């Protein structure tokens, strides 16, 4: 069903020239959901087949769509890849540079390049690295403030924050519709931001 909702390839190659920003955002959100259901489904099948043979495989998705921050989303999305990137990219870069933002950007660029070295996936990694860096700076700035902590624990805040994570991740997926060039990758992204 989700595959049928994605825009046709010729529309994607034209940079969504005839679609408004809300339509492009909706297409990006559908792509995000499709990727999640594909990955989570394949993982569940692999876990089930492994159990048939007495092999326990790790859970690779832990309800990432219910996470209220981008950092929590990434800790629970494609856990094996995220854990590998944390251990072999984030920590080594952090130890060498002592700059958490640089380590986050390098980690996400690595994950983007793992998908493909096309410009759209590199931009996708940069998008997530910058988002995680901004979140880390925000969390550091509000750490220890009781009123902010109380607000962030409230249900309305968690719902709005989770929806914002969906929006941010969907925006990132707009970079991957036509990832062959920087121009074709950025066209839908810029269209959404121009809303």
N, C-alpha and C. Protein backbone atom coordinates (compact mmCIF):
# COMPACT_ATOMS: atom_id res chain seq x y z
N UNK A 1 0.83 -1.19 0.00
CA UNK A 1 0.00 0.00 0.00
C UNK A 1 0.88 1.25 0.00
N UNK A 2 1.91 1.25 0.87
CA UNK A 2 2.77 2.43 0.95
C UNK A 2 3.53 2.64 -0.35
N UNK A 3 3.95 1.55 -1.00
CA UNK A 3 4.67 1.68 -2.27
C UNK A 3 3.79 2.38 -3.31
N UNK A 4 2.50 2.09 -3.31
CA UNK A 4 1.59 2.71 -4.26
C UNK A 4 1.41 4.20 -3.98
N UNK A 5 1.66 4.63 -2.74
CA UNK A 5 1.48 6.03 -2.38
C UNK A 5 2.70 6.88 -2.74
N UNK A 6 3.84 6.24 -3.01
CA UNK A 6 5.03 6.99 -3.36
C UNK A 6 4.88 7.59 -4.75
N UNK A 7 5.50 8.76 -4.99
CA UNK A 7 5.37 9.40 -6.30
C UNK A 7 6.09 8.59 -7.39
N UNK A 8 5.61 8.69 -8.63
CA UNK A 8 6.27 7.99 -9.72
C UNK A 8 7.68 8.52 -9.95
N UNK A 9 8.55 7.69 -10.51
CA UNK A 9 9.97 8.04 -10.70
C UNK A 9 10.15 9.28 -11.56
N UNK A 10 9.35 9.45 -12.63
CA UNK A 10 9.53 10.62 -13.49
C UNK A 10 9.19 11.91 -12.74
N UNK A 11 8.24 11.85 -11.81
CA UNK A 11 7.91 13.00 -11.00
C UNK A 11 9.07 13.33 -10.07
N UNK A 12 9.68 12.30 -9.52
CA UNK A 12 10.84 12.49 -8.63
C UNK A 12 11.99 13.12 -9.39
N UNK A 13 12.26 12.64 -10.61
CA UNK A 13 13.38 13.15 -11.39
C UNK A 13 13.18 14.60 -11.81
N UNK A 14 11.94 15.05 -11.88
CA UNK A 14 11.67 16.45 -12.20
C UNK A 14 11.68 17.33 -10.96
N UNK A 15 12.10 16.79 -9.84
CA UNK A 15 12.24 17.58 -8.62
C UNK A 15 10.92 18.00 -8.01
N UNK A 16 9.86 17.24 -8.28
CA UNK A 16 8.54 17.55 -7.73
C UNK A 16 8.07 18.92 -8.20
N UNK A 17 8.47 19.29 -9.41
CA UNK A 17 8.20 20.64 -9.92
C UNK A 17 6.72 21.01 -9.89
N UNK A 18 5.84 20.03 -10.05
CA UNK A 18 4.42 20.34 -10.13
C UNK A 18 3.67 20.10 -8.82
N UNK A 19 4.39 19.73 -7.78
CA UNK A 19 3.74 19.47 -6.49
C UNK A 19 4.04 20.59 -5.51
N UNK A 20 3.08 20.85 -4.64
CA UNK A 20 3.29 21.82 -3.58
C UNK A 20 4.09 21.20 -2.44
N UNK A 21 4.59 22.05 -1.57
CA UNK A 21 5.40 21.60 -0.45
C UNK A 21 4.69 20.58 0.45
N UNK A 22 3.38 20.77 0.76
CA UNK A 22 2.72 19.76 1.60
C UNK A 22 2.69 18.37 0.96
N UNK A 23 2.54 18.33 -0.37
CA UNK A 23 2.52 17.05 -1.07
C UNK A 23 3.89 16.37 -1.02
N UNK A 24 4.94 17.17 -1.17
CA UNK A 24 6.30 16.62 -1.11
C UNK A 24 6.59 16.12 0.30
N UNK A 25 6.15 16.87 1.30
CA UNK A 25 6.34 16.44 2.68
C UNK A 25 5.59 15.14 2.95
N UNK A 26 4.37 15.04 2.44
CA UNK A 26 3.60 13.81 2.60
C UNK A 26 4.31 12.63 1.93
N UNK A 27 4.84 12.85 0.73
CA UNK A 27 5.57 11.79 0.03
C UNK A 27 6.80 11.37 0.84
N UNK A 28 7.46 12.33 1.46
CA UNK A 28 8.64 12.02 2.29
C UNK A 28 8.25 11.22 3.52
N UNK A 29 7.11 11.57 4.12
CA UNK A 29 6.63 10.84 5.29
C UNK A 29 6.26 9.40 4.91
N UNK A 30 5.62 9.23 3.76
CA UNK A 30 5.27 7.89 3.29
C UNK A 30 6.54 7.08 3.04
N UNK A 31 7.58 7.72 2.48
CA UNK A 31 8.85 7.02 2.25
C UNK A 31 9.46 6.59 3.59
N UNK A 32 9.41 7.46 4.57
CA UNK A 32 9.90 7.15 5.91
C UNK A 32 9.18 5.94 6.48
N UNK A 33 7.86 5.93 6.42
CA UNK A 33 7.09 4.79 6.93
C UNK A 33 7.40 3.51 6.15
N UNK A 34 7.52 3.64 4.85
CA UNK A 34 7.81 2.45 4.03
C UNK A 34 9.16 1.83 4.42
N UNK A 35 10.16 2.68 4.58
CA UNK A 35 11.49 2.18 4.97
C UNK A 35 11.40 1.50 6.34
N UNK A 36 10.69 2.13 7.27
CA UNK A 36 10.56 1.53 8.59
C UNK A 36 9.88 0.16 8.52
N UNK A 37 8.74 0.09 7.84
CA UNK A 37 8.01 -1.19 7.79
C UNK A 37 8.80 -2.25 7.02
N UNK A 38 9.52 -1.85 5.97
CA UNK A 38 10.37 -2.81 5.26
C UNK A 38 11.46 -3.35 6.19
N UNK A 39 12.23 -2.44 6.79
CA UNK A 39 13.33 -2.86 7.66
C UNK A 39 12.85 -3.67 8.86
N UNK A 40 11.84 -3.15 9.53
CA UNK A 40 11.33 -3.83 10.73
C UNK A 40 10.75 -5.18 10.35
N UNK A 41 10.07 -5.26 9.22
CA UNK A 41 9.50 -6.53 8.77
C UNK A 41 10.57 -7.55 8.44
N UNK A 42 11.60 -7.12 7.68
CA UNK A 42 12.69 -8.04 7.35
C UNK A 42 13.39 -8.53 8.61
N UNK A 43 13.58 -7.62 9.55
CA UNK A 43 14.24 -7.99 10.80
C UNK A 43 13.40 -9.00 11.58
N UNK A 44 12.11 -8.78 11.65
CA UNK A 44 11.23 -9.72 12.37
C UNK A 44 11.25 -11.09 11.71
N UNK A 45 11.28 -11.13 10.39
CA UNK A 45 11.36 -12.40 9.68
C UNK A 45 12.67 -13.10 10.00
N UNK A 46 13.77 -12.35 9.98
CA UNK A 46 15.08 -12.94 10.28
C UNK A 46 15.13 -13.46 11.72
N UNK A 47 14.57 -12.71 12.65
CA UNK A 47 14.55 -13.15 14.05
C UNK A 47 13.73 -14.43 14.18
N UNK A 48 12.57 -14.46 13.52
CA UNK A 48 11.72 -15.65 13.58
C UNK A 48 12.37 -16.88 12.97
N UNK A 49 13.01 -16.72 11.82
CA UNK A 49 13.69 -17.84 11.17
C UNK A 49 14.86 -18.30 12.05
N UNK A 50 15.56 -17.36 12.62
CA UNK A 50 16.65 -17.73 13.52
C UNK A 50 16.16 -18.55 14.69
N UNK A 51 15.04 -18.16 15.27
CA UNK A 51 14.48 -18.91 16.40
C UNK A 51 14.08 -20.33 15.99
N UNK A 52 13.62 -20.50 14.75
CA UNK A 52 13.28 -21.85 14.26
C UNK A 52 14.49 -22.78 14.32
N UNK A 53 15.68 -22.20 14.15
CA UNK A 53 16.91 -22.99 14.18
C UNK A 53 17.66 -22.86 15.51
N UNK A 54 17.00 -22.27 16.51
CA UNK A 54 17.61 -22.16 17.83
C UNK A 54 18.64 -21.05 17.93
N UNK A 55 18.60 -20.08 17.02
CA UNK A 55 19.56 -18.97 17.02
C UNK A 55 18.82 -17.70 17.46
N UNK A 56 19.35 -17.06 18.48
CA UNK A 56 18.74 -15.81 18.96
C UNK A 56 19.46 -14.63 18.31
N UNK A 57 18.72 -13.83 17.58
CA UNK A 57 19.26 -12.62 16.97
C UNK A 57 18.78 -11.40 17.77
N UNK A 58 19.58 -10.36 17.74
CA UNK A 58 19.21 -9.16 18.49
C UNK A 58 18.01 -8.46 17.85
N UNK A 59 17.23 -7.81 18.68
CA UNK A 59 16.13 -6.97 18.20
C UNK A 59 16.76 -5.75 17.55
N UNK A 60 16.32 -5.40 16.35
CA UNK A 60 16.97 -4.31 15.62
C UNK A 60 16.15 -3.02 15.62
N UNK A 61 14.89 -3.10 16.00
CA UNK A 61 14.04 -1.92 16.07
C UNK A 61 13.25 -2.00 17.37
N UNK A 62 13.36 -0.96 18.19
CA UNK A 62 12.67 -0.94 19.47
C UNK A 62 11.72 0.26 19.50
N UNK A 63 10.66 0.17 18.73
CA UNK A 63 9.63 1.21 18.66
C UNK A 63 10.21 2.62 18.42
N UNK A 64 11.04 2.78 17.38
CA UNK A 64 11.65 4.10 17.17
C UNK A 64 10.64 5.20 16.85
N UNK A 65 9.47 4.83 16.30
CA UNK A 65 8.48 5.85 15.96
C UNK A 65 7.81 6.46 17.18
N UNK A 66 8.06 5.89 18.35
CA UNK A 66 7.46 6.41 19.58
C UNK A 66 8.45 7.21 20.42
N UNK A 67 9.59 7.55 19.86
CA UNK A 67 10.64 8.25 20.61
C UNK A 67 10.53 9.76 20.45
N UNK A 68 10.60 10.50 21.56
CA UNK A 68 10.37 11.95 21.52
C UNK A 68 11.59 12.80 21.17
N UNK A 69 12.76 12.19 21.00
CA UNK A 69 13.92 12.97 20.56
C UNK A 69 14.62 12.22 19.44
N UNK A 70 15.36 12.97 18.65
CA UNK A 70 16.10 12.37 17.54
C UNK A 70 17.16 11.39 18.06
N UNK A 71 17.77 11.71 19.20
CA UNK A 71 18.78 10.82 19.77
C UNK A 71 18.16 9.48 20.19
N UNK A 72 16.99 9.54 20.84
CA UNK A 72 16.31 8.31 21.24
C UNK A 72 15.86 7.53 20.00
N UNK A 73 15.40 8.26 18.99
CA UNK A 73 15.01 7.61 17.74
C UNK A 73 16.18 6.80 17.20
N UNK A 74 17.37 7.40 17.12
CA UNK A 74 18.52 6.70 16.55
C UNK A 74 19.02 5.56 17.43
N UNK A 75 18.84 5.65 18.74
CA UNK A 75 19.23 4.54 19.61
C UNK A 75 18.32 3.33 19.42
N UNK A 76 17.14 3.55 18.85
CA UNK A 76 16.16 2.49 18.71
C UNK A 76 15.83 2.13 17.26
N UNK A 77 16.48 2.76 16.32
CA UNK A 77 16.28 2.51 14.89
C UNK A 77 17.52 1.77 14.37
N UNK A 78 17.34 0.69 13.71
CA UNK A 78 18.44 -0.10 13.13
C UNK A 78 19.59 -0.18 14.14
N UNK A 79 19.28 -0.80 15.27
CA UNK A 79 20.15 -0.80 16.44
C UNK A 79 21.53 -1.38 16.13
N UNK A 80 21.60 -2.41 15.31
CA UNK A 80 22.91 -3.01 15.01
C UNK A 80 23.79 -2.01 14.26
N UNK A 81 23.25 -1.30 13.28
CA UNK A 81 24.03 -0.31 12.54
C UNK A 81 24.37 0.89 13.43
N UNK A 82 23.40 1.38 14.18
CA UNK A 82 23.63 2.53 15.06
C UNK A 82 24.68 2.21 16.12
N UNK A 83 24.63 0.99 16.67
CA UNK A 83 25.61 0.58 17.69
C UNK A 83 27.00 0.47 17.09
N UNK A 84 27.09 -0.10 15.89
CA UNK A 84 28.38 -0.21 15.21
C UNK A 84 28.96 1.18 14.96
N UNK A 85 28.13 2.10 14.45
CA UNK A 85 28.60 3.45 14.15
C UNK A 85 29.03 4.18 15.43
N UNK A 86 28.28 3.97 16.51
CA UNK A 86 28.64 4.59 17.79
C UNK A 86 30.01 4.09 18.26
N UNK A 87 30.21 2.77 18.21
CA UNK A 87 31.44 2.18 18.73
C UNK A 87 32.66 2.44 17.85
N UNK A 88 32.47 2.43 16.53
CA UNK A 88 33.62 2.49 15.62
C UNK A 88 33.81 3.83 14.91
N UNK A 89 32.86 4.74 15.05
CA UNK A 89 33.02 6.08 14.47
C UNK A 89 32.90 7.14 15.54
N UNK A 90 31.76 7.18 16.24
CA UNK A 90 31.51 8.25 17.21
C UNK A 90 32.58 8.30 18.30
N UNK A 91 32.78 7.20 19.02
CA UNK A 91 33.74 7.22 20.13
C UNK A 91 35.17 7.50 19.68
N UNK A 92 35.67 6.88 18.60
CA UNK A 92 37.03 7.22 18.15
C UNK A 92 37.18 8.69 17.74
N UNK A 93 36.20 9.24 17.00
CA UNK A 93 36.30 10.65 16.60
C UNK A 93 36.21 11.55 17.83
N UNK A 94 35.32 11.20 18.77
CA UNK A 94 35.20 12.00 19.99
C UNK A 94 36.49 11.97 20.81
N UNK A 95 37.11 10.81 20.91
CA UNK A 95 38.36 10.71 21.68
C UNK A 95 39.48 11.51 21.04
N UNK A 96 39.53 11.54 19.71
CA UNK A 96 40.58 12.29 19.01
C UNK A 96 40.32 13.80 19.03
N UNK A 97 39.05 14.18 18.78
CA UNK A 97 38.76 15.60 18.60
C UNK A 97 38.24 16.30 19.85
N UNK A 98 37.61 15.55 20.75
CA UNK A 98 36.95 16.11 21.94
C UNK A 98 35.82 17.08 21.55
N UNK A 99 35.27 16.91 20.34
CA UNK A 99 34.19 17.77 19.86
C UNK A 99 32.98 16.88 19.54
N UNK A 100 32.00 16.83 20.46
CA UNK A 100 30.85 15.94 20.25
C UNK A 100 30.09 16.20 18.94
N UNK A 101 29.96 17.47 18.56
CA UNK A 101 29.23 17.78 17.32
C UNK A 101 29.93 17.19 16.11
N UNK A 102 31.24 17.29 16.08
CA UNK A 102 32.01 16.71 14.97
C UNK A 102 31.84 15.19 14.95
N UNK A 103 31.87 14.57 16.12
CA UNK A 103 31.70 13.12 16.20
C UNK A 103 30.32 12.70 15.72
N UNK A 104 29.29 13.47 16.07
CA UNK A 104 27.93 13.16 15.63
C UNK A 104 27.79 13.29 14.12
N UNK A 105 28.32 14.38 13.56
CA UNK A 105 28.24 14.58 12.11
C UNK A 105 29.01 13.49 11.38
N UNK A 106 30.21 13.16 11.84
CA UNK A 106 30.99 12.09 11.20
C UNK A 106 30.27 10.75 11.26
N UNK A 107 29.64 10.47 12.39
CA UNK A 107 28.89 9.22 12.55
C UNK A 107 27.74 9.15 11.56
N UNK A 108 26.97 10.21 11.46
CA UNK A 108 25.82 10.19 10.57
C UNK A 108 26.24 10.24 9.11
N UNK A 109 27.34 10.91 8.79
CA UNK A 109 27.86 10.85 7.42
C UNK A 109 28.27 9.43 7.07
N UNK A 110 28.83 8.72 8.04
CA UNK A 110 29.20 7.32 7.81
C UNK A 110 27.96 6.47 7.55
N UNK A 111 26.92 6.67 8.35
CA UNK A 111 25.69 5.90 8.15
C UNK A 111 25.06 6.26 6.80
N UNK A 112 25.07 7.53 6.43
CA UNK A 112 24.56 7.92 5.12
C UNK A 112 25.36 7.28 4.01
N UNK A 113 26.68 7.26 4.14
CA UNK A 113 27.54 6.63 3.13
C UNK A 113 27.38 5.12 3.10
N UNK A 114 27.01 4.53 4.23
CA UNK A 114 26.74 3.09 4.27
C UNK A 114 25.57 2.77 3.35
N UNK A 115 24.59 3.67 3.29
CA UNK A 115 23.45 3.45 2.39
C UNK A 115 23.89 3.61 0.94
N UNK A 116 24.65 4.68 0.66
CA UNK A 116 25.14 4.94 -0.69
C UNK A 116 26.06 6.16 -0.61
N UNK A 117 27.00 6.22 -1.53
CA UNK A 117 27.90 7.38 -1.54
C UNK A 117 27.36 8.47 -2.46
N UNK A 118 26.14 8.32 -2.91
CA UNK A 118 25.52 9.35 -3.74
C UNK A 118 25.31 10.62 -2.90
N UNK A 119 25.33 11.78 -3.55
CA UNK A 119 25.19 13.05 -2.82
C UNK A 119 23.96 13.13 -1.91
N UNK A 120 22.83 12.58 -2.34
CA UNK A 120 21.62 12.65 -1.53
C UNK A 120 21.78 11.95 -0.19
N UNK A 121 22.47 10.82 -0.18
CA UNK A 121 22.67 10.09 1.07
C UNK A 121 23.71 10.77 1.95
N UNK A 122 24.68 11.41 1.34
CA UNK A 122 25.65 12.19 2.12
C UNK A 122 24.93 13.37 2.79
N UNK A 123 24.06 14.04 2.03
CA UNK A 123 23.27 15.13 2.60
C UNK A 123 22.32 14.62 3.69
N UNK A 124 21.76 13.43 3.49
CA UNK A 124 20.89 12.81 4.49
C UNK A 124 21.67 12.62 5.80
N UNK A 125 22.91 12.12 5.70
CA UNK A 125 23.74 11.95 6.88
C UNK A 125 24.06 13.27 7.55
N UNK A 126 24.35 14.28 6.74
CA UNK A 126 24.64 15.61 7.27
C UNK A 126 23.40 16.19 7.97
N UNK A 127 22.24 15.99 7.36
CA UNK A 127 20.97 16.45 7.96
C UNK A 127 20.79 15.87 9.36
N UNK A 128 21.01 14.57 9.50
CA UNK A 128 20.84 13.93 10.81
C UNK A 128 21.96 14.31 11.78
N UNK A 129 23.18 14.43 11.27
CA UNK A 129 24.29 14.83 12.14
C UNK A 129 24.09 16.22 12.72
N UNK A 130 23.63 17.14 11.88
CA UNK A 130 23.37 18.50 12.36
C UNK A 130 22.21 18.49 13.35
N UNK A 131 21.15 17.74 13.05
CA UNK A 131 20.02 17.64 13.97
C UNK A 131 20.42 17.11 15.34
N UNK A 132 21.23 16.05 15.33
CA UNK A 132 21.70 15.47 16.61
C UNK A 132 22.60 16.44 17.36
N UNK A 133 23.42 17.20 16.63
CA UNK A 133 24.31 18.19 17.27
C UNK A 133 23.51 19.30 17.92
N UNK A 134 22.49 19.80 17.23
CA UNK A 134 21.64 20.85 17.80
C UNK A 134 20.92 20.33 19.03
N UNK A 135 20.40 19.10 18.94
CA UNK A 135 19.71 18.51 20.09
C UNK A 135 20.66 18.37 21.29
N UNK A 136 21.89 17.93 21.05
CA UNK A 136 22.86 17.76 22.14
C UNK A 136 23.16 19.11 22.81
N UNK A 137 23.32 20.15 22.01
CA UNK A 137 23.59 21.48 22.58
C UNK A 137 22.38 21.97 23.38
N UNK A 138 21.18 21.74 22.86
CA UNK A 138 19.97 22.14 23.58
C UNK A 138 19.87 21.40 24.91
N UNK A 139 20.08 20.07 24.88
CA UNK A 139 19.98 19.29 26.11
C UNK A 139 21.02 19.71 27.14
N UNK A 140 22.20 20.07 26.68
CA UNK A 140 23.24 20.55 27.59
C UNK A 140 22.84 21.90 28.19
N UNK A 141 22.22 22.75 27.38
CA UNK A 141 21.84 24.09 27.85
C UNK A 141 20.72 24.03 28.89
N UNK A 142 19.81 23.07 28.77
CA UNK A 142 18.67 23.01 29.71
C UNK A 142 18.86 21.97 30.81
N UNK A 143 20.00 21.31 30.83
CA UNK A 143 20.24 20.28 31.86
C UNK A 143 20.18 20.90 33.26
N UNK A 144 19.46 20.23 34.14
CA UNK A 144 19.36 20.67 35.52
C UNK A 144 18.28 21.71 35.78
N UNK A 145 17.58 22.15 34.77
CA UNK A 145 16.48 23.11 34.98
C UNK A 145 15.21 22.32 35.24
N UNK A 146 14.74 22.39 36.47
CA UNK A 146 13.60 21.59 36.89
C UNK A 146 12.33 21.87 36.10
N UNK A 147 12.08 23.15 35.80
CA UNK A 147 10.85 23.47 35.07
C UNK A 147 10.88 22.89 33.66
N UNK A 148 12.03 23.00 33.00
CA UNK A 148 12.16 22.45 31.64
C UNK A 148 12.03 20.93 31.69
N UNK A 149 12.64 20.30 32.68
CA UNK A 149 12.55 18.84 32.81
C UNK A 149 11.11 18.42 33.03
N UNK A 150 10.38 19.15 33.86
CA UNK A 150 8.98 18.81 34.12
C UNK A 150 8.14 18.95 32.85
N UNK A 151 8.38 20.00 32.09
CA UNK A 151 7.65 20.19 30.83
C UNK A 151 7.97 19.06 29.85
N UNK A 152 9.27 18.71 29.76
CA UNK A 152 9.68 17.67 28.81
C UNK A 152 9.16 16.29 29.20
N UNK A 153 8.78 16.10 30.43
CA UNK A 153 8.22 14.81 30.86
C UNK A 153 6.70 14.74 30.68
N UNK A 154 6.08 15.87 30.39
CA UNK A 154 4.62 15.89 30.26
C UNK A 154 4.19 15.18 28.96
N UNK A 155 3.01 14.60 28.99
CA UNK A 155 2.50 13.88 27.83
C UNK A 155 2.32 14.79 26.61
N UNK A 156 1.74 15.99 26.75
CA UNK A 156 1.61 16.84 25.56
C UNK A 156 2.96 17.15 24.91
N UNK A 157 3.97 17.43 25.74
CA UNK A 157 5.30 17.73 25.19
C UNK A 157 5.84 16.50 24.46
N UNK A 158 5.70 15.33 25.03
CA UNK A 158 6.22 14.12 24.41
C UNK A 158 5.53 13.82 23.07
N UNK A 159 4.22 14.08 23.02
CA UNK A 159 3.49 13.86 21.76
C UNK A 159 3.98 14.83 20.68
N UNK A 160 4.05 16.11 21.04
CA UNK A 160 4.50 17.13 20.07
C UNK A 160 5.94 16.85 19.65
N UNK A 161 6.78 16.50 20.60
CA UNK A 161 8.18 16.21 20.31
C UNK A 161 8.32 14.99 19.39
N UNK A 162 7.52 13.96 19.63
CA UNK A 162 7.55 12.77 18.77
C UNK A 162 7.12 13.13 17.35
N UNK A 163 6.09 13.94 17.22
CA UNK A 163 5.65 14.38 15.89
C UNK A 163 6.73 15.21 15.20
N UNK A 164 7.46 16.01 15.99
CA UNK A 164 8.56 16.78 15.41
C UNK A 164 9.65 15.85 14.90
N UNK A 165 9.94 14.78 15.64
CA UNK A 165 10.94 13.80 15.18
C UNK A 165 10.49 13.19 13.85
N UNK A 166 9.21 12.85 13.75
CA UNK A 166 8.68 12.32 12.48
C UNK A 166 8.89 13.32 11.36
N UNK A 167 8.60 14.59 11.63
CA UNK A 167 8.75 15.64 10.63
C UNK A 167 10.22 15.76 10.20
N UNK A 168 11.12 15.76 11.19
CA UNK A 168 12.55 15.92 10.89
C UNK A 168 13.08 14.74 10.09
N UNK A 169 12.71 13.53 10.48
CA UNK A 169 13.18 12.34 9.77
C UNK A 169 12.58 12.31 8.36
N UNK A 170 11.32 12.67 8.24
CA UNK A 170 10.68 12.72 6.91
C UNK A 170 11.37 13.74 6.01
N UNK A 171 11.70 14.89 6.57
CA UNK A 171 12.42 15.91 5.81
C UNK A 171 13.73 15.35 5.29
N UNK A 172 14.43 14.59 6.11
CA UNK A 172 15.68 13.97 5.69
C UNK A 172 15.48 12.99 4.54
N UNK A 173 14.38 12.24 4.58
CA UNK A 173 14.13 11.28 3.51
C UNK A 173 13.82 11.97 2.19
N UNK A 174 13.41 13.24 2.22
CA UNK A 174 13.19 13.95 0.96
C UNK A 174 14.48 14.09 0.16
N UNK A 175 15.62 14.02 0.84
CA UNK A 175 16.92 14.11 0.17
C UNK A 175 17.26 12.85 -0.63
N UNK A 176 16.51 11.78 -0.40
CA UNK A 176 16.86 10.49 -1.01
C UNK A 176 15.95 10.09 -2.16
N UNK A 177 15.02 10.96 -2.56
CA UNK A 177 14.15 10.61 -3.69
C UNK A 177 14.95 10.46 -4.97
N UNK A 178 15.83 11.39 -5.21
CA UNK A 178 16.68 11.36 -6.41
C UNK A 178 18.09 11.75 -5.97
N UNK A 179 18.82 10.81 -5.36
CA UNK A 179 20.08 11.16 -4.69
C UNK A 179 21.31 11.28 -5.59
N UNK A 180 21.13 11.22 -6.92
CA UNK A 180 22.27 11.16 -7.82
C UNK A 180 23.11 12.44 -7.83
N UNK A 181 22.48 13.61 -7.66
CA UNK A 181 23.22 14.87 -7.65
C UNK A 181 22.77 15.71 -6.46
N UNK A 182 23.59 16.68 -6.10
CA UNK A 182 23.21 17.58 -5.02
C UNK A 182 21.95 18.37 -5.38
N UNK A 183 21.88 18.80 -6.64
CA UNK A 183 20.73 19.60 -7.08
C UNK A 183 19.42 18.80 -7.00
N UNK A 184 19.44 17.58 -7.52
CA UNK A 184 18.21 16.77 -7.50
C UNK A 184 17.84 16.35 -6.08
N UNK A 185 18.83 16.18 -5.23
CA UNK A 185 18.56 15.81 -3.83
C UNK A 185 17.95 16.97 -3.06
N UNK A 186 18.48 18.15 -3.29
CA UNK A 186 18.05 19.32 -2.54
C UNK A 186 16.72 19.89 -3.01
N UNK A 187 16.31 19.61 -4.24
CA UNK A 187 15.07 20.21 -4.78
C UNK A 187 13.85 19.93 -3.89
N UNK A 188 13.53 18.67 -3.55
CA UNK A 188 12.37 18.45 -2.69
C UNK A 188 12.58 18.97 -1.26
N UNK A 189 13.80 18.89 -0.77
CA UNK A 189 14.14 19.37 0.58
C UNK A 189 13.85 20.87 0.69
N UNK A 190 14.35 21.61 -0.29
CA UNK A 190 14.15 23.06 -0.29
C UNK A 190 12.67 23.40 -0.49
N UNK A 191 11.99 22.61 -1.33
CA UNK A 191 10.56 22.85 -1.54
C UNK A 191 9.80 22.73 -0.22
N UNK A 192 10.13 21.71 0.58
CA UNK A 192 9.46 21.54 1.88
C UNK A 192 9.80 22.70 2.81
N UNK A 193 11.06 23.08 2.85
CA UNK A 193 11.46 24.17 3.75
C UNK A 193 10.86 25.52 3.34
N UNK A 194 10.43 25.64 2.08
CA UNK A 194 9.86 26.90 1.63
C UNK A 194 8.38 27.03 1.95
N UNK A 195 7.83 26.06 2.68
CA UNK A 195 6.39 26.11 3.04
C UNK A 195 6.07 27.34 3.85
